[in-house]
Amino acid sequence: MALRFATDVSTASTDYGTVLLDQRSGQYWELNPTATLIIEALLAGQDEAAATDAVVAEFDIDRERAQNDVTQLVAELRASGLAA
């Protein structure tokens, strides 16, 4: 499923990954390069399987671990109210 950030969430790219700012709470989230690749794929309309494929190709990790990373990141972003 594609991902979209809440309207009160701002993003900024950094040399290390991506920073998210929840303007409602003032909290910052720093995403590492793996998480950045995942959200870029999902924000572009790809599904979680495609995001998993991108992680496997980019970081040479096994598919099960990549899929767990994708699932966990999406769940945390949604649980925090940052994404829908």
N, C-alpha and C. Protein backbone atom coordinates (compact mmCIF):
# COMPACT_ATOMS: atom_id res chain seq x y z
N MET A 1 0.85 -1.18 0.00
CA MET A 1 0.00 0.00 0.00
C MET A 1 0.90 1.24 0.00
N ALA A 2 0.55 2.20 -0.79
CA ALA A 2 1.29 3.46 -0.84
C ALA A 2 1.17 4.18 0.49
N LEU A 3 2.04 5.11 0.70
CA LEU A 3 2.12 5.84 1.96
C LEU A 3 1.98 7.33 1.67
N ARG A 4 1.39 8.05 2.61
CA ARG A 4 1.39 9.51 2.51
C ARG A 4 1.53 10.05 3.93
N PHE A 5 2.26 11.15 4.03
CA PHE A 5 2.45 11.77 5.33
C PHE A 5 1.27 12.66 5.66
N ALA A 6 1.03 12.83 6.95
CA ALA A 6 0.00 13.75 7.42
C ALA A 6 0.36 15.16 6.94
N THR A 7 -0.63 16.02 6.81
CA THR A 7 -0.39 17.36 6.29
C THR A 7 0.51 18.19 7.19
N ASP A 8 0.59 17.85 8.47
CA ASP A 8 1.43 18.59 9.41
C ASP A 8 2.83 18.01 9.55
N VAL A 9 3.23 17.15 8.64
CA VAL A 9 4.57 16.55 8.68
C VAL A 9 5.40 17.12 7.54
N SER A 10 6.55 17.68 7.91
CA SER A 10 7.49 18.22 6.93
C SER A 10 8.68 17.26 6.82
N THR A 11 9.27 17.20 5.65
CA THR A 11 10.43 16.35 5.43
C THR A 11 11.59 17.17 4.91
N ALA A 12 12.79 16.71 5.23
CA ALA A 12 14.00 17.34 4.70
C ALA A 12 15.05 16.25 4.49
N SER A 13 15.67 16.27 3.33
CA SER A 13 16.75 15.33 3.05
C SER A 13 18.03 15.82 3.71
N THR A 14 18.81 14.88 4.20
CA THR A 14 20.11 15.20 4.80
C THR A 14 21.16 14.32 4.14
N ASP A 15 22.42 14.53 4.50
CA ASP A 15 23.48 13.68 3.98
C ASP A 15 23.33 12.25 4.46
N TYR A 16 22.65 12.06 5.58
CA TYR A 16 22.51 10.73 6.17
C TYR A 16 21.20 10.04 5.79
N GLY A 17 20.16 10.78 5.51
CA GLY A 17 18.85 10.18 5.23
C GLY A 17 17.78 11.24 5.11
N THR A 18 16.77 11.15 5.96
CA THR A 18 15.66 12.08 5.94
C THR A 18 15.26 12.44 7.36
N VAL A 19 14.89 13.69 7.55
CA VAL A 19 14.37 14.15 8.83
C VAL A 19 12.90 14.49 8.64
N LEU A 20 12.08 14.02 9.57
CA LEU A 20 10.66 14.34 9.58
C LEU A 20 10.38 15.25 10.75
N LEU A 21 9.55 16.26 10.57
CA LEU A 21 9.13 17.14 11.65
C LEU A 21 7.62 17.06 11.76
N ASP A 22 7.17 16.63 12.93
CA ASP A 22 5.73 16.63 13.23
C ASP A 22 5.43 18.01 13.80
N GLN A 23 4.84 18.89 13.01
CA GLN A 23 4.60 20.27 13.41
C GLN A 23 3.57 20.38 14.52
N ARG A 24 2.76 19.35 14.71
CA ARG A 24 1.77 19.36 15.79
C ARG A 24 2.43 19.24 17.15
N SER A 25 3.44 18.37 17.23
CA SER A 25 4.09 18.10 18.52
C SER A 25 5.48 18.71 18.63
N GLY A 26 6.06 19.09 17.50
CA GLY A 26 7.42 19.61 17.50
C GLY A 26 8.48 18.51 17.53
N GLN A 27 8.07 17.25 17.41
CA GLN A 27 9.01 16.14 17.44
C GLN A 27 9.68 15.95 16.08
N TYR A 28 10.98 15.63 16.14
CA TYR A 28 11.75 15.29 14.95
C TYR A 28 11.98 13.78 14.91
N TRP A 29 11.99 13.25 13.72
CA TRP A 29 12.32 11.85 13.49
C TRP A 29 13.44 11.83 12.47
N GLU A 30 14.51 11.11 12.75
CA GLU A 30 15.60 10.99 11.79
C GLU A 30 15.57 9.58 11.20
N LEU A 31 15.43 9.51 9.88
CA LEU A 31 15.36 8.23 9.19
C LEU A 31 16.71 7.93 8.55
N ASN A 32 17.19 6.73 8.76
CA ASN A 32 18.46 6.32 8.16
C ASN A 32 18.28 6.06 6.67
N PRO A 33 19.37 5.74 5.95
CA PRO A 33 19.24 5.54 4.50
C PRO A 33 18.27 4.42 4.11
N THR A 34 18.19 3.37 4.91
CA THR A 34 17.25 2.29 4.61
C THR A 34 15.82 2.79 4.70
N ALA A 35 15.49 3.46 5.80
CA ALA A 35 14.14 4.00 5.98
C ALA A 35 13.82 5.03 4.90
N THR A 36 14.80 5.82 4.53
CA THR A 36 14.59 6.81 3.47
C THR A 36 14.24 6.13 2.15
N LEU A 37 14.95 5.08 1.81
CA LEU A 37 14.65 4.34 0.58
C LEU A 37 13.23 3.77 0.62
N ILE A 38 12.84 3.25 1.77
CA ILE A 38 11.50 2.69 1.93
C ILE A 38 10.43 3.76 1.72
N ILE A 39 10.58 4.89 2.41
CA ILE A 39 9.53 5.91 2.28
C ILE A 39 9.51 6.52 0.89
N GLU A 40 10.66 6.65 0.25
CA GLU A 40 10.68 7.18 -1.12
C GLU A 40 9.89 6.26 -2.05
N ALA A 41 10.07 4.97 -1.90
CA ALA A 41 9.34 4.02 -2.74
C ALA A 41 7.84 4.10 -2.46
N LEU A 42 7.47 4.12 -1.19
CA LEU A 42 6.05 4.14 -0.83
C LEU A 42 5.39 5.47 -1.19
N LEU A 43 6.09 6.58 -1.01
CA LEU A 43 5.53 7.88 -1.38
C LEU A 43 5.36 8.01 -2.90
N ALA A 44 6.16 7.25 -3.64
CA ALA A 44 6.06 7.26 -5.10
C ALA A 44 4.92 6.36 -5.60
N GLY A 45 4.19 5.75 -4.66
CA GLY A 45 3.04 4.95 -5.04
C GLY A 45 3.31 3.46 -5.13
N GLN A 46 4.53 3.05 -4.83
CA GLN A 46 4.84 1.62 -4.86
C GLN A 46 4.28 0.95 -3.61
N ASP A 47 4.12 -0.36 -3.68
CA ASP A 47 3.62 -1.09 -2.51
C ASP A 47 4.79 -1.58 -1.65
N GLU A 48 4.46 -2.22 -0.54
CA GLU A 48 5.49 -2.67 0.39
C GLU A 48 6.40 -3.73 -0.23
N ALA A 49 5.88 -4.56 -1.12
CA ALA A 49 6.71 -5.57 -1.79
C ALA A 49 7.78 -4.89 -2.66
N ALA A 50 7.40 -3.84 -3.36
CA ALA A 50 8.37 -3.11 -4.19
C ALA A 50 9.40 -2.40 -3.32
N ALA A 51 8.96 -1.86 -2.19
CA ALA A 51 9.91 -1.22 -1.26
C ALA A 51 10.88 -2.26 -0.71
N THR A 52 10.38 -3.44 -0.41
CA THR A 52 11.23 -4.54 0.06
C THR A 52 12.26 -4.90 -1.01
N ASP A 53 11.82 -5.01 -2.26
CA ASP A 53 12.74 -5.31 -3.37
C ASP A 53 13.83 -4.27 -3.47
N ALA A 54 13.47 -3.00 -3.31
CA ALA A 54 14.45 -1.91 -3.39
C ALA A 54 15.49 -2.03 -2.28
N VAL A 55 15.05 -2.37 -1.08
CA VAL A 55 15.98 -2.52 0.06
C VAL A 55 16.93 -3.69 -0.19
N VAL A 56 16.39 -4.81 -0.66
CA VAL A 56 17.23 -5.99 -0.94
C VAL A 56 18.29 -5.65 -1.99
N ALA A 57 17.88 -4.97 -3.04
CA ALA A 57 18.82 -4.61 -4.12
C ALA A 57 19.88 -3.62 -3.67
N GLU A 58 19.48 -2.64 -2.86
CA GLU A 58 20.40 -1.58 -2.46
C GLU A 58 21.36 -1.99 -1.35
N PHE A 59 20.88 -2.78 -0.40
CA PHE A 59 21.67 -3.04 0.80
C PHE A 59 22.13 -4.49 0.95
N ASP A 60 21.83 -5.33 -0.02
CA ASP A 60 22.31 -6.71 -0.02
C ASP A 60 22.01 -7.42 1.30
N ILE A 61 20.74 -7.37 1.70
CA ILE A 61 20.29 -8.10 2.88
C ILE A 61 19.23 -9.10 2.43
N ASP A 62 18.95 -10.07 3.28
CA ASP A 62 17.97 -11.08 2.87
C ASP A 62 16.57 -10.49 2.86
N ARG A 63 15.74 -11.10 2.05
CA ARG A 63 14.38 -10.58 1.81
C ARG A 63 13.55 -10.55 3.09
N GLU A 64 13.67 -11.57 3.93
CA GLU A 64 12.87 -11.61 5.15
C GLU A 64 13.18 -10.43 6.07
N ARG A 65 14.45 -10.14 6.22
CA ARG A 65 14.83 -8.99 7.06
C ARG A 65 14.35 -7.69 6.45
N ALA A 66 14.50 -7.55 5.14
CA ALA A 66 14.04 -6.32 4.46
C ALA A 66 12.53 -6.16 4.62
N GLN A 67 11.79 -7.24 4.46
CA GLN A 67 10.34 -7.17 4.60
C GLN A 67 9.94 -6.78 6.02
N ASN A 68 10.64 -7.33 7.00
CA ASN A 68 10.37 -6.95 8.40
C ASN A 68 10.67 -5.47 8.64
N ASP A 69 11.76 -4.97 8.04
CA ASP A 69 12.10 -3.55 8.19
C ASP A 69 11.01 -2.66 7.59
N VAL A 70 10.53 -3.03 6.42
CA VAL A 70 9.48 -2.25 5.76
C VAL A 70 8.21 -2.26 6.60
N THR A 71 7.79 -3.43 7.01
CA THR A 71 6.56 -3.58 7.80
C THR A 71 6.65 -2.79 9.10
N GLN A 72 7.79 -2.89 9.79
CA GLN A 72 7.96 -2.21 11.07
C GLN A 72 7.96 -0.69 10.89
N LEU A 73 8.66 -0.19 9.89
CA LEU A 73 8.71 1.25 9.66
C LEU A 73 7.32 1.80 9.36
N VAL A 74 6.60 1.15 8.48
CA VAL A 74 5.25 1.61 8.12
C VAL A 74 4.35 1.59 9.35
N ALA A 75 4.42 0.54 10.13
CA ALA A 75 3.60 0.45 11.34
C ALA A 75 3.92 1.57 12.32
N GLU A 76 5.21 1.86 12.51
CA GLU A 76 5.61 2.93 13.44
C GLU A 76 5.17 4.30 12.94
N LEU A 77 5.30 4.55 11.65
CA LEU A 77 4.88 5.84 11.10
C LEU A 77 3.38 6.03 11.24
N ARG A 78 2.64 4.97 11.00
CA ARG A 78 1.17 5.07 11.13
C ARG A 78 0.75 5.18 12.60
N ALA A 79 1.37 4.40 13.48
CA ALA A 79 1.02 4.45 14.90
C ALA A 79 1.32 5.81 15.52
N SER A 80 2.35 6.47 15.01
CA SER A 80 2.73 7.78 15.54
C SER A 80 1.86 8.91 14.98
N GLY A 81 1.05 8.58 13.98
CA GLY A 81 0.21 9.60 13.35
C GLY A 81 0.92 10.39 12.27
N LEU A 82 2.17 9.98 11.94
CA LEU A 82 2.92 10.71 10.91
C LEU A 82 2.44 10.36 9.51
N ALA A 83 1.91 9.17 9.33
CA ALA A 83 1.53 8.72 8.00
C ALA A 83 0.20 7.98 8.02
N ALA A 84 -0.40 7.96 6.86
CA ALA A 84 -1.65 7.21 6.68
C ALA A 84 -1.46 6.20 5.58
